[in-house]
């Protein structure tokens, strides 16, 4: 019984989901203020994943002068989830980004393209980032934008790198790992029932 429980604990530790930002770091030599755009970048994940929160860059770490909408779209332009980040310091600050949680997590399929973008306003936004480092397993696929509206950023910015937005992503455990856990739990239940029958 102790061996089975140890095996279950070991499996649980192995399938525990990692959670962190998809964009790890970047250098920002040029920033802009104001102007009405929705801008960000496309990315893909090497494995199935889940997005729980979206964020916007707080350049001076002192809160936003204006509110910002941040959205996540799939490859055909369907909006999968969005948040509204309020002015001030009320949103959760993680490193250089302020985040708000999605109403429901968005599941990402491995290898598919997704677009992450947010509205600019009276806060600094990244115009030409360099030294871009994405989280392990996340692939940066270029920057995109649309002007004057909150909408799917369909326009490719060939000479721009807009690192103004970020997302919190979690790994989704592989089905095989979950299946092994199910079998292990079933074994524990069966073992307990068999011992109870013998006692009676």
N, C-alpha and C. Protein backbone atom coordinates (compact mmCIF):
# COMPACT_ATOMS: atom_id res chain seq x y z
N UNK A 1 0.82 -1.21 0.00
CA UNK A 1 0.00 0.00 0.00
C UNK A 1 0.86 1.26 0.00
N UNK A 2 1.90 1.27 0.83
CA UNK A 2 2.79 2.42 0.89
C UNK A 2 3.51 2.63 -0.44
N UNK A 3 3.88 1.51 -1.09
CA UNK A 3 4.57 1.61 -2.39
C UNK A 3 3.65 2.23 -3.43
N UNK A 4 2.37 1.85 -3.41
CA UNK A 4 1.41 2.38 -4.37
C UNK A 4 1.21 3.87 -4.15
N UNK A 5 1.07 4.26 -2.89
CA UNK A 5 0.88 5.67 -2.59
C UNK A 5 2.10 6.49 -3.01
N UNK A 6 3.28 5.94 -2.81
CA UNK A 6 4.51 6.63 -3.23
C UNK A 6 4.53 6.80 -4.74
N UNK A 7 4.10 5.78 -5.46
CA UNK A 7 4.06 5.85 -6.92
C UNK A 7 3.09 6.93 -7.40
N UNK A 8 1.95 7.03 -6.72
CA UNK A 8 0.95 8.05 -7.09
C UNK A 8 1.51 9.44 -6.85
N UNK A 9 2.15 9.65 -5.70
CA UNK A 9 2.74 10.95 -5.40
C UNK A 9 3.80 11.31 -6.43
N UNK A 10 4.59 10.32 -6.85
CA UNK A 10 5.63 10.55 -7.84
C UNK A 10 5.01 10.96 -9.18
N UNK A 11 3.94 10.29 -9.57
CA UNK A 11 3.27 10.63 -10.83
C UNK A 11 2.64 12.01 -10.77
N UNK A 12 2.04 12.34 -9.64
CA UNK A 12 1.44 13.67 -9.49
C UNK A 12 2.49 14.76 -9.61
N UNK A 13 3.65 14.54 -9.05
CA UNK A 13 4.71 15.54 -9.13
C UNK A 13 5.20 15.69 -10.56
N UNK A 14 5.18 14.61 -11.33
CA UNK A 14 5.65 14.65 -12.70
C UNK A 14 4.67 15.34 -13.63
N UNK A 15 3.36 15.30 -13.33
CA UNK A 15 2.38 15.90 -14.24
C UNK A 15 1.87 17.24 -13.73
N UNK A 16 2.45 17.73 -12.65
CA UNK A 16 2.04 19.03 -12.13
C UNK A 16 2.32 20.10 -13.18
N UNK A 17 1.36 20.95 -13.48
CA UNK A 17 1.48 21.92 -14.57
C UNK A 17 2.38 23.08 -14.17
N UNK A 18 3.27 23.43 -15.09
CA UNK A 18 4.08 24.63 -14.94
C UNK A 18 3.24 25.83 -15.36
N UNK A 19 3.38 26.94 -14.68
CA UNK A 19 2.66 28.16 -15.06
C UNK A 19 3.64 29.32 -15.07
N UNK A 20 3.61 30.10 -16.14
CA UNK A 20 4.48 31.26 -16.24
C UNK A 20 4.19 32.04 -17.50
N UNK A 21 4.83 33.20 -17.67
CA UNK A 21 4.59 34.03 -18.85
C UNK A 21 5.21 33.43 -20.11
N UNK A 22 4.54 33.64 -21.26
CA UNK A 22 5.08 33.11 -22.51
C UNK A 22 6.28 33.93 -22.98
N UNK A 23 6.30 35.22 -22.63
CA UNK A 23 7.42 36.09 -22.98
C UNK A 23 8.28 36.27 -21.73
N UNK A 24 9.52 35.79 -21.81
CA UNK A 24 10.40 35.83 -20.63
C UNK A 24 11.11 37.16 -20.46
N UNK A 25 11.69 37.68 -21.56
CA UNK A 25 12.43 38.94 -21.46
C UNK A 25 12.67 39.53 -22.85
N UNK A 26 13.00 40.82 -22.87
CA UNK A 26 13.34 41.50 -24.11
C UNK A 26 14.04 42.81 -23.78
N UNK A 27 14.69 43.39 -24.78
CA UNK A 27 15.29 44.71 -24.65
C UNK A 27 14.43 45.69 -25.44
N UNK A 28 14.17 46.85 -24.87
CA UNK A 28 13.28 47.81 -25.51
C UNK A 28 13.99 49.14 -25.76
N UNK A 29 14.65 49.29 -26.90
CA UNK A 29 15.36 50.54 -27.19
C UNK A 29 14.44 51.68 -27.62
N UNK A 30 13.23 51.35 -28.09
CA UNK A 30 12.32 52.39 -28.56
C UNK A 30 10.92 52.14 -28.07
N UNK A 31 10.28 53.16 -27.51
CA UNK A 31 8.89 53.05 -27.07
C UNK A 31 8.11 54.25 -27.59
N UNK A 32 6.80 54.08 -27.68
CA UNK A 32 5.92 55.16 -28.11
C UNK A 32 4.84 55.36 -27.06
N UNK A 33 4.19 56.49 -27.11
CA UNK A 33 3.04 56.76 -26.27
C UNK A 33 1.85 57.12 -27.16
N UNK A 34 0.68 56.90 -26.63
CA UNK A 34 -0.56 57.27 -27.29
C UNK A 34 -0.70 56.53 -28.63
N UNK A 35 -1.43 57.09 -29.56
CA UNK A 35 -1.81 56.46 -30.82
C UNK A 35 -2.76 55.28 -30.55
N UNK A 36 -3.68 55.07 -31.45
CA UNK A 36 -4.71 54.05 -31.24
C UNK A 36 -4.46 52.83 -32.11
N UNK A 37 -3.88 51.82 -31.50
CA UNK A 37 -3.59 50.57 -32.21
C UNK A 37 -3.95 49.39 -31.33
N UNK A 38 -4.12 48.25 -31.96
CA UNK A 38 -4.09 46.97 -31.26
C UNK A 38 -2.89 46.23 -31.83
N UNK A 39 -1.92 45.94 -30.97
CA UNK A 39 -0.69 45.34 -31.49
C UNK A 39 -0.14 44.29 -30.54
N UNK A 40 0.60 43.39 -31.13
CA UNK A 40 1.19 42.29 -30.37
C UNK A 40 1.94 41.36 -31.30
N UNK A 41 1.79 40.06 -31.09
CA UNK A 41 2.57 39.10 -31.87
C UNK A 41 1.86 37.76 -31.98
N UNK A 42 2.33 36.97 -32.92
CA UNK A 42 1.84 35.61 -33.09
C UNK A 42 2.82 34.64 -32.44
N UNK A 43 2.30 33.51 -31.99
CA UNK A 43 3.15 32.51 -31.36
C UNK A 43 2.51 31.13 -31.51
N UNK A 44 3.30 30.12 -31.23
CA UNK A 44 2.78 28.76 -31.16
C UNK A 44 3.42 28.06 -29.97
N UNK A 45 2.82 26.97 -29.55
CA UNK A 45 3.33 26.19 -28.43
C UNK A 45 3.69 24.79 -28.92
N UNK A 46 4.80 24.26 -28.43
CA UNK A 46 5.22 22.91 -28.84
C UNK A 46 4.36 21.82 -28.22
N UNK A 47 3.61 22.15 -27.18
CA UNK A 47 2.75 21.16 -26.53
C UNK A 47 1.40 21.80 -26.22
N UNK A 48 0.41 20.98 -25.92
CA UNK A 48 -0.90 21.51 -25.53
C UNK A 48 -0.72 22.34 -24.25
N UNK A 49 -1.43 23.45 -24.18
CA UNK A 49 -1.25 24.35 -23.05
C UNK A 49 -2.56 25.07 -22.75
N UNK A 50 -2.57 25.81 -21.66
CA UNK A 50 -3.76 26.54 -21.23
C UNK A 50 -3.35 27.95 -20.80
N UNK A 51 -4.05 28.95 -21.31
CA UNK A 51 -3.78 30.35 -20.96
C UNK A 51 -4.81 30.80 -19.93
N UNK A 52 -4.34 31.34 -18.81
CA UNK A 52 -5.23 31.72 -17.72
C UNK A 52 -5.34 33.23 -17.51
N UNK A 53 -4.35 34.00 -18.00
CA UNK A 53 -4.36 35.45 -17.79
C UNK A 53 -3.63 36.15 -18.92
N UNK A 54 -4.03 37.40 -19.19
CA UNK A 54 -3.39 38.22 -20.22
C UNK A 54 -2.88 39.50 -19.59
N UNK A 55 -1.77 40.02 -20.13
CA UNK A 55 -1.16 41.18 -19.51
C UNK A 55 -0.66 42.22 -20.50
N UNK A 56 -0.44 43.44 -19.98
CA UNK A 56 0.08 44.57 -20.76
C UNK A 56 1.29 45.13 -20.02
N UNK A 57 2.27 45.59 -20.78
CA UNK A 57 3.55 46.07 -20.25
C UNK A 57 3.38 47.37 -19.47
N UNK A 58 3.91 47.38 -18.25
CA UNK A 58 3.92 48.58 -17.42
C UNK A 58 5.36 49.07 -17.37
N UNK A 59 5.71 49.97 -18.27
CA UNK A 59 7.11 50.36 -18.49
C UNK A 59 7.78 50.92 -17.25
N UNK A 60 7.05 51.70 -16.45
CA UNK A 60 7.65 52.33 -15.27
C UNK A 60 7.21 51.66 -13.97
N UNK A 61 6.42 50.59 -14.08
CA UNK A 61 5.98 49.80 -12.92
C UNK A 61 5.16 50.62 -11.92
N UNK A 62 4.49 51.66 -12.40
CA UNK A 62 3.72 52.52 -11.51
C UNK A 62 2.23 52.54 -11.87
N UNK A 63 1.78 51.57 -12.64
CA UNK A 63 0.38 51.51 -13.01
C UNK A 63 0.12 52.16 -14.36
N UNK A 64 -1.10 52.02 -14.85
CA UNK A 64 -1.48 52.53 -16.16
C UNK A 64 -2.15 53.89 -16.06
N UNK A 65 -1.87 54.72 -17.07
CA UNK A 65 -2.58 55.99 -17.18
C UNK A 65 -3.95 55.79 -17.81
N UNK A 66 -4.07 54.76 -18.65
CA UNK A 66 -5.33 54.44 -19.33
C UNK A 66 -5.60 52.95 -19.24
N UNK A 67 -6.82 52.57 -19.49
CA UNK A 67 -7.16 51.15 -19.51
C UNK A 67 -6.70 50.51 -20.83
N UNK A 68 -6.53 49.20 -20.81
CA UNK A 68 -6.08 48.47 -21.99
C UNK A 68 -6.87 47.17 -22.13
N UNK A 69 -7.31 46.88 -23.34
CA UNK A 69 -7.92 45.58 -23.63
C UNK A 69 -6.86 44.70 -24.27
N UNK A 70 -6.79 43.47 -23.82
CA UNK A 70 -5.85 42.51 -24.38
C UNK A 70 -6.63 41.29 -24.80
N UNK A 71 -6.38 40.80 -26.01
CA UNK A 71 -7.12 39.66 -26.53
C UNK A 71 -6.22 38.55 -27.04
N UNK A 72 -6.80 37.36 -27.14
CA UNK A 72 -6.12 36.19 -27.68
C UNK A 72 -6.99 35.63 -28.79
N UNK A 73 -6.42 35.52 -30.00
CA UNK A 73 -7.14 35.04 -31.17
C UNK A 73 -6.50 33.77 -31.71
N UNK A 74 -7.29 32.96 -32.40
CA UNK A 74 -6.70 31.80 -33.08
C UNK A 74 -6.25 32.21 -34.48
N UNK A 75 -5.76 31.23 -35.25
CA UNK A 75 -5.17 31.53 -36.54
C UNK A 75 -6.12 32.04 -37.60
N UNK A 76 -7.42 31.85 -37.41
CA UNK A 76 -8.39 32.34 -38.39
C UNK A 76 -9.11 33.60 -37.91
N UNK A 77 -8.62 34.18 -36.82
CA UNK A 77 -9.14 35.47 -36.36
C UNK A 77 -10.28 35.42 -35.38
N UNK A 78 -10.59 34.25 -34.83
CA UNK A 78 -11.66 34.16 -33.83
C UNK A 78 -11.12 34.54 -32.45
N UNK A 79 -11.81 35.44 -31.77
CA UNK A 79 -11.39 35.88 -30.44
C UNK A 79 -11.70 34.77 -29.43
N UNK A 80 -10.66 34.27 -28.77
CA UNK A 80 -10.80 33.16 -27.82
C UNK A 80 -11.00 33.65 -26.39
N UNK A 81 -10.47 34.81 -26.09
CA UNK A 81 -10.59 35.36 -24.74
C UNK A 81 -10.03 36.76 -24.69
N UNK A 82 -10.51 37.57 -23.75
CA UNK A 82 -10.01 38.93 -23.60
C UNK A 82 -10.14 39.38 -22.16
N UNK A 83 -9.33 40.38 -21.81
CA UNK A 83 -9.41 41.00 -20.49
C UNK A 83 -9.37 42.51 -20.66
N UNK A 84 -9.82 43.21 -19.64
CA UNK A 84 -9.72 44.67 -19.60
C UNK A 84 -8.88 45.04 -18.39
N UNK A 85 -7.76 45.67 -18.64
CA UNK A 85 -6.85 46.09 -17.58
C UNK A 85 -7.15 47.55 -17.25
N UNK A 86 -7.52 47.80 -16.03
CA UNK A 86 -7.95 49.14 -15.64
C UNK A 86 -6.77 50.08 -15.40
N UNK A 87 -7.04 51.37 -15.49
CA UNK A 87 -6.03 52.38 -15.16
C UNK A 87 -5.66 52.26 -13.69
N UNK A 88 -4.44 52.67 -13.37
CA UNK A 88 -3.97 52.58 -11.99
C UNK A 88 -3.16 51.32 -11.74
N UNK A 89 -3.08 50.93 -10.48
CA UNK A 89 -2.23 49.81 -10.07
C UNK A 89 -3.04 48.61 -9.58
N UNK A 90 -4.31 48.54 -9.98
CA UNK A 90 -5.17 47.48 -9.46
C UNK A 90 -4.94 46.10 -10.05
N UNK A 91 -4.19 46.02 -11.14
CA UNK A 91 -3.96 44.72 -11.77
C UNK A 91 -2.69 44.06 -11.23
N UNK A 92 -2.66 42.75 -11.28
CA UNK A 92 -1.55 41.98 -10.73
C UNK A 92 -0.26 42.24 -11.51
N UNK A 93 0.78 42.64 -10.82
CA UNK A 93 2.07 42.92 -11.45
C UNK A 93 2.98 41.71 -11.29
N UNK A 94 3.45 41.17 -12.43
CA UNK A 94 4.42 40.08 -12.45
C UNK A 94 5.54 40.52 -13.37
N UNK A 95 6.72 40.70 -12.81
CA UNK A 95 7.85 41.27 -13.53
C UNK A 95 7.44 42.63 -14.11
N UNK A 96 7.44 42.82 -15.42
CA UNK A 96 7.14 44.13 -15.99
C UNK A 96 5.74 44.22 -16.59
N UNK A 97 4.90 43.24 -16.32
CA UNK A 97 3.56 43.22 -16.91
C UNK A 97 2.48 43.18 -15.82
N UNK A 98 1.35 43.84 -16.12
CA UNK A 98 0.18 43.77 -15.24
C UNK A 98 -0.86 42.88 -15.91
N UNK A 99 -1.42 41.94 -15.13
CA UNK A 99 -2.29 40.90 -15.67
C UNK A 99 -3.69 40.96 -15.08
N UNK A 100 -4.63 40.44 -15.87
CA UNK A 100 -5.99 40.16 -15.40
C UNK A 100 -6.33 38.75 -15.84
N UNK A 101 -7.07 38.04 -15.01
CA UNK A 101 -7.43 36.65 -15.32
C UNK A 101 -8.56 36.60 -16.34
N UNK A 102 -8.50 35.61 -17.21
CA UNK A 102 -9.59 35.35 -18.14
C UNK A 102 -10.78 34.78 -17.38
N UNK A 103 -11.98 35.01 -17.88
CA UNK A 103 -13.17 34.42 -17.25
C UNK A 103 -13.11 32.90 -17.28
N UNK A 104 -12.55 32.38 -18.36
CA UNK A 104 -12.34 30.93 -18.49
C UNK A 104 -11.02 30.72 -19.21
N UNK A 105 -10.24 29.75 -18.76
CA UNK A 105 -8.96 29.47 -19.38
C UNK A 105 -9.15 29.08 -20.84
N UNK A 106 -8.19 29.44 -21.67
CA UNK A 106 -8.22 29.11 -23.10
C UNK A 106 -7.21 28.02 -23.37
N UNK A 107 -7.67 26.91 -23.93
CA UNK A 107 -6.78 25.79 -24.26
C UNK A 107 -6.15 26.00 -25.62
N UNK A 108 -4.84 25.78 -25.69
CA UNK A 108 -4.09 25.91 -26.94
C UNK A 108 -3.67 24.53 -27.44
N UNK A 109 -3.75 24.34 -28.74
CA UNK A 109 -3.32 23.08 -29.35
C UNK A 109 -1.88 23.19 -29.82
N UNK A 110 -1.10 22.17 -29.59
CA UNK A 110 0.30 22.17 -29.99
C UNK A 110 0.43 22.42 -31.49
N UNK A 111 1.37 23.30 -31.85
CA UNK A 111 1.67 23.55 -33.25
C UNK A 111 0.79 24.55 -33.96
N UNK A 112 -0.33 24.94 -33.35
CA UNK A 112 -1.22 25.91 -33.99
C UNK A 112 -0.77 27.34 -33.68
N UNK A 113 -1.13 28.27 -34.57
CA UNK A 113 -0.74 29.67 -34.42
C UNK A 113 -1.82 30.45 -33.67
N UNK A 114 -1.38 31.29 -32.73
CA UNK A 114 -2.27 32.15 -31.96
C UNK A 114 -1.73 33.58 -31.98
N UNK A 115 -2.63 34.54 -31.79
CA UNK A 115 -2.26 35.95 -31.83
C UNK A 115 -2.64 36.60 -30.49
N UNK A 116 -1.68 37.30 -29.91
CA UNK A 116 -1.87 38.00 -28.64
C UNK A 116 -1.63 39.48 -28.89
N UNK A 117 -2.61 40.34 -28.57
CA UNK A 117 -2.46 41.77 -28.85
C UNK A 117 -3.29 42.60 -27.88
N UNK A 118 -2.87 43.86 -27.68
CA UNK A 118 -3.56 44.75 -26.77
C UNK A 118 -3.65 46.17 -27.31
N UNK A 119 -4.61 46.92 -26.79
CA UNK A 119 -4.82 48.29 -27.24
C UNK A 119 -3.82 49.24 -26.59
N UNK A 120 -3.28 50.13 -27.41
CA UNK A 120 -2.39 51.17 -26.90
C UNK A 120 -3.23 52.39 -26.51
N UNK A 121 -2.65 53.24 -25.69
CA UNK A 121 -3.34 54.46 -25.26
C UNK A 121 -2.30 55.40 -24.69
N UNK A 122 -2.51 55.91 -23.49
CA UNK A 122 -1.60 56.89 -22.92
C UNK A 122 -0.50 56.26 -22.06
N UNK A 123 -0.09 55.08 -22.45
CA UNK A 123 1.00 54.39 -21.77
C UNK A 123 2.03 53.98 -22.81
N UNK A 124 3.26 53.78 -22.35
CA UNK A 124 4.33 53.38 -23.26
C UNK A 124 4.05 52.00 -23.84
N UNK A 125 4.38 51.83 -25.12
CA UNK A 125 4.31 50.50 -25.73
C UNK A 125 5.55 50.27 -26.57
N UNK A 126 5.93 49.02 -26.66
CA UNK A 126 7.20 48.65 -27.26
C UNK A 126 7.11 48.71 -28.79
N UNK A 127 8.00 49.45 -29.38
CA UNK A 127 8.01 49.65 -30.83
C UNK A 127 8.99 48.72 -31.53
N UNK A 128 10.20 48.61 -31.00
CA UNK A 128 11.22 47.81 -31.67
C UNK A 128 12.06 47.07 -30.63
N UNK A 129 11.50 45.97 -30.17
CA UNK A 129 12.19 45.17 -29.15
C UNK A 129 13.32 44.37 -29.79
N UNK A 130 14.27 43.98 -28.97
CA UNK A 130 15.36 43.10 -29.41
C UNK A 130 15.67 42.13 -28.29
N UNK A 131 16.55 41.17 -28.56
CA UNK A 131 16.93 40.16 -27.56
C UNK A 131 15.68 39.49 -26.95
N UNK A 132 14.76 39.11 -27.81
CA UNK A 132 13.49 38.52 -27.37
C UNK A 132 13.71 37.09 -26.92
N UNK A 133 13.28 36.79 -25.70
CA UNK A 133 13.40 35.42 -25.16
C UNK A 133 12.00 34.95 -24.77
N UNK A 134 11.54 33.90 -25.46
CA UNK A 134 10.25 33.31 -25.13
C UNK A 134 10.47 32.15 -24.16
N UNK A 135 9.42 31.77 -23.47
CA UNK A 135 9.49 30.64 -22.56
C UNK A 135 9.81 29.37 -23.35
N UNK A 136 10.39 28.39 -22.69
CA UNK A 136 10.71 27.11 -23.34
C UNK A 136 9.46 26.49 -23.93
N UNK A 137 9.53 26.12 -25.21
CA UNK A 137 8.39 25.50 -25.87
C UNK A 137 7.46 26.47 -26.55
N UNK A 138 7.73 27.79 -26.43
CA UNK A 138 6.93 28.82 -27.09
C UNK A 138 7.74 29.41 -28.25
N UNK A 139 7.11 29.52 -29.41
CA UNK A 139 7.78 30.01 -30.60
C UNK A 139 7.21 31.36 -31.02
N UNK A 140 8.08 32.36 -31.10
CA UNK A 140 7.67 33.70 -31.55
C UNK A 140 7.57 33.69 -33.07
N UNK A 141 6.43 34.16 -33.62
CA UNK A 141 6.17 34.08 -35.05
C UNK A 141 5.98 35.45 -35.70
N UNK A 142 6.52 36.49 -35.10
CA UNK A 142 6.45 37.81 -35.69
C UNK A 142 5.37 38.68 -35.08
N UNK A 143 5.48 39.99 -35.32
CA UNK A 143 4.56 40.96 -34.74
C UNK A 143 3.46 41.35 -35.73
N UNK A 144 2.28 41.70 -35.17
CA UNK A 144 1.09 42.02 -35.96
C UNK A 144 0.35 43.17 -35.32
N UNK A 145 -0.48 43.88 -36.13
CA UNK A 145 -1.22 45.03 -35.61
C UNK A 145 -2.47 45.30 -36.43
N UNK A 146 -3.35 46.11 -35.87
CA UNK A 146 -4.48 46.71 -36.58
C UNK A 146 -4.69 48.09 -35.96
N UNK A 147 -5.06 49.06 -36.77
CA UNK A 147 -5.18 50.45 -36.29
C UNK A 147 -6.62 50.81 -35.94
N UNK A 148 -6.73 51.69 -34.93
CA UNK A 148 -7.99 52.39 -34.60
C UNK A 148 -9.12 51.52 -34.06
N UNK A 149 -8.84 50.31 -33.65
CA UNK A 149 -9.92 49.47 -33.13
C UNK A 149 -9.34 48.30 -32.34
N UNK A 150 -10.16 47.71 -31.48
CA UNK A 150 -9.77 46.45 -30.83
C UNK A 150 -10.28 45.32 -31.71
N UNK A 151 -9.35 44.68 -32.42
CA UNK A 151 -9.73 43.67 -33.39
C UNK A 151 -8.56 42.74 -33.63
N UNK A 152 -8.82 41.69 -34.40
CA UNK A 152 -7.78 40.74 -34.78
C UNK A 152 -6.63 41.49 -35.47
N UNK A 153 -5.39 41.34 -34.97
CA UNK A 153 -4.25 42.05 -35.56
C UNK A 153 -3.74 41.35 -36.82
N UNK A 154 -4.41 41.61 -37.94
CA UNK A 154 -4.15 40.86 -39.17
C UNK A 154 -2.94 41.35 -39.95
N UNK A 155 -2.43 42.54 -39.64
CA UNK A 155 -1.35 43.13 -40.44
C UNK A 155 0.02 42.76 -39.89
N UNK A 156 0.84 42.15 -40.73
CA UNK A 156 2.18 41.75 -40.33
C UNK A 156 3.10 42.96 -40.29
N UNK A 157 3.80 43.14 -39.17
CA UNK A 157 4.76 44.24 -39.02
C UNK A 157 6.16 43.69 -39.30
N UNK A 158 6.58 43.79 -40.54
CA UNK A 158 7.81 43.12 -40.97
C UNK A 158 9.06 43.65 -40.28
N UNK A 159 9.06 44.94 -39.92
CA UNK A 159 10.26 45.52 -39.30
C UNK A 159 9.99 46.01 -37.88
N UNK A 160 8.99 45.43 -37.22
CA UNK A 160 8.65 45.82 -35.86
C UNK A 160 8.63 44.58 -34.96
N UNK A 161 8.85 44.81 -33.68
CA UNK A 161 8.76 43.73 -32.69
C UNK A 161 7.99 44.28 -31.49
N UNK A 162 6.68 44.03 -31.45
CA UNK A 162 5.81 44.59 -30.42
C UNK A 162 5.70 43.64 -29.22
N UNK A 163 6.50 43.89 -28.21
CA UNK A 163 6.49 43.03 -27.02
C UNK A 163 5.68 43.65 -25.89
N UNK A 164 4.58 44.31 -26.23
CA UNK A 164 3.79 45.07 -25.26
C UNK A 164 2.83 44.20 -24.45
N UNK A 165 2.60 42.97 -24.90
CA UNK A 165 1.62 42.10 -24.24
C UNK A 165 2.26 40.77 -23.83
N UNK A 166 1.58 40.10 -22.91
CA UNK A 166 2.09 38.83 -22.41
C UNK A 166 0.91 37.97 -21.96
N UNK A 167 1.17 36.72 -21.67
CA UNK A 167 0.12 35.81 -21.21
C UNK A 167 0.72 34.81 -20.24
N UNK A 168 -0.09 34.35 -19.29
CA UNK A 168 0.31 33.31 -18.36
C UNK A 168 -0.18 31.98 -18.91
N UNK A 169 0.75 31.06 -19.11
CA UNK A 169 0.44 29.80 -19.76
C UNK A 169 0.81 28.64 -18.84
N UNK A 170 0.03 27.58 -18.90
CA UNK A 170 0.28 26.36 -18.11
C UNK A 170 0.33 25.17 -19.05
N UNK A 171 1.23 24.25 -18.76
CA UNK A 171 1.28 23.00 -19.51
C UNK A 171 0.04 22.17 -19.21
N UNK A 172 -0.46 21.47 -20.19
CA UNK A 172 -1.56 20.53 -20.00
C UNK A 172 -0.96 19.14 -19.92
N UNK A 173 -1.21 18.38 -18.83
CA UNK A 173 -0.62 17.03 -18.71
C UNK A 173 -1.00 16.15 -19.89
N UNK A 174 -0.05 15.34 -20.34
CA UNK A 174 -0.31 14.41 -21.43
C UNK A 174 -1.35 13.37 -21.01
N UNK A 175 -2.22 12.95 -21.93
CA UNK A 175 -3.24 11.95 -21.61
C UNK A 175 -2.66 10.67 -21.04
N UNK A 176 -1.48 10.27 -21.50
CA UNK A 176 -0.86 9.03 -21.01
C UNK A 176 -0.55 9.12 -19.53
N UNK A 177 -0.11 10.30 -19.09
CA UNK A 177 0.19 10.48 -17.67
C UNK A 177 -1.08 10.41 -16.84
N UNK A 178 -2.13 11.02 -17.32
CA UNK A 178 -3.41 10.97 -16.61
C UNK A 178 -3.96 9.56 -16.57
N UNK A 179 -3.76 8.81 -17.65
CA UNK A 179 -4.24 7.43 -17.70
C UNK A 179 -3.50 6.57 -16.67
N UNK A 180 -2.20 6.77 -16.56
CA UNK A 180 -1.42 6.04 -15.56
C UNK A 180 -1.89 6.35 -14.15
N UNK A 181 -2.19 7.63 -13.91
CA UNK A 181 -2.68 8.03 -12.59
C UNK A 181 -4.02 7.36 -12.30
N UNK A 182 -4.90 7.30 -13.30
CA UNK A 182 -6.20 6.66 -13.13
C UNK A 182 -6.04 5.19 -12.75
N UNK A 183 -5.15 4.49 -13.46
CA UNK A 183 -4.90 3.08 -13.15
C UNK A 183 -4.35 2.91 -11.74
N UNK A 184 -3.46 3.81 -11.34
CA UNK A 184 -2.88 3.72 -10.00
C UNK A 184 -3.93 3.92 -8.92
N UNK A 185 -4.80 4.91 -9.12
CA UNK A 185 -5.88 5.15 -8.15
C UNK A 185 -6.85 3.98 -8.10
N UNK A 186 -7.14 3.41 -9.28
CA UNK A 186 -8.03 2.24 -9.32
C UNK A 186 -7.40 1.08 -8.56
N UNK A 187 -6.07 0.94 -8.66
CA UNK A 187 -5.38 -0.12 -7.94
C UNK A 187 -5.47 0.04 -6.44
N UNK A 188 -5.37 1.30 -5.98
CA UNK A 188 -5.49 1.57 -4.54
C UNK A 188 -6.89 1.21 -4.04
N UNK A 189 -7.91 1.62 -4.77
CA UNK A 189 -9.29 1.32 -4.39
C UNK A 189 -9.52 -0.17 -4.35
N UNK A 190 -9.06 -0.89 -5.38
CA UNK A 190 -9.24 -2.34 -5.45
C UNK A 190 -8.54 -3.03 -4.30
N UNK A 191 -7.33 -2.57 -3.98
CA UNK A 191 -6.56 -3.17 -2.90
C UNK A 191 -7.27 -2.99 -1.56
N UNK A 192 -7.82 -1.80 -1.32
CA UNK A 192 -8.53 -1.55 -0.07
C UNK A 192 -9.77 -2.41 0.05
N UNK A 193 -10.52 -2.51 -1.05
CA UNK A 193 -11.73 -3.32 -1.03
C UNK A 193 -11.41 -4.78 -0.75
N UNK A 194 -10.34 -5.28 -1.35
CA UNK A 194 -9.96 -6.69 -1.16
C UNK A 194 -9.59 -6.95 0.30
N UNK A 195 -8.89 -5.98 0.93
CA UNK A 195 -8.52 -6.15 2.34
C UNK A 195 -9.74 -6.13 3.24
N UNK A 196 -10.72 -5.26 2.91
CA UNK A 196 -11.95 -5.19 3.70
C UNK A 196 -12.73 -6.50 3.59
N UNK A 197 -12.78 -7.09 2.40
CA UNK A 197 -13.50 -8.36 2.20
C UNK A 197 -12.84 -9.47 3.02
N UNK A 198 -11.51 -9.49 3.05
CA UNK A 198 -10.81 -10.53 3.81
C UNK A 198 -11.08 -10.40 5.31
N UNK A 199 -11.15 -9.17 5.78
CA UNK A 199 -11.40 -8.94 7.20
C UNK A 199 -12.80 -9.42 7.60
N UNK A 200 -13.74 -9.24 6.69
CA UNK A 200 -15.12 -9.65 6.97
C UNK A 200 -15.31 -11.15 6.78
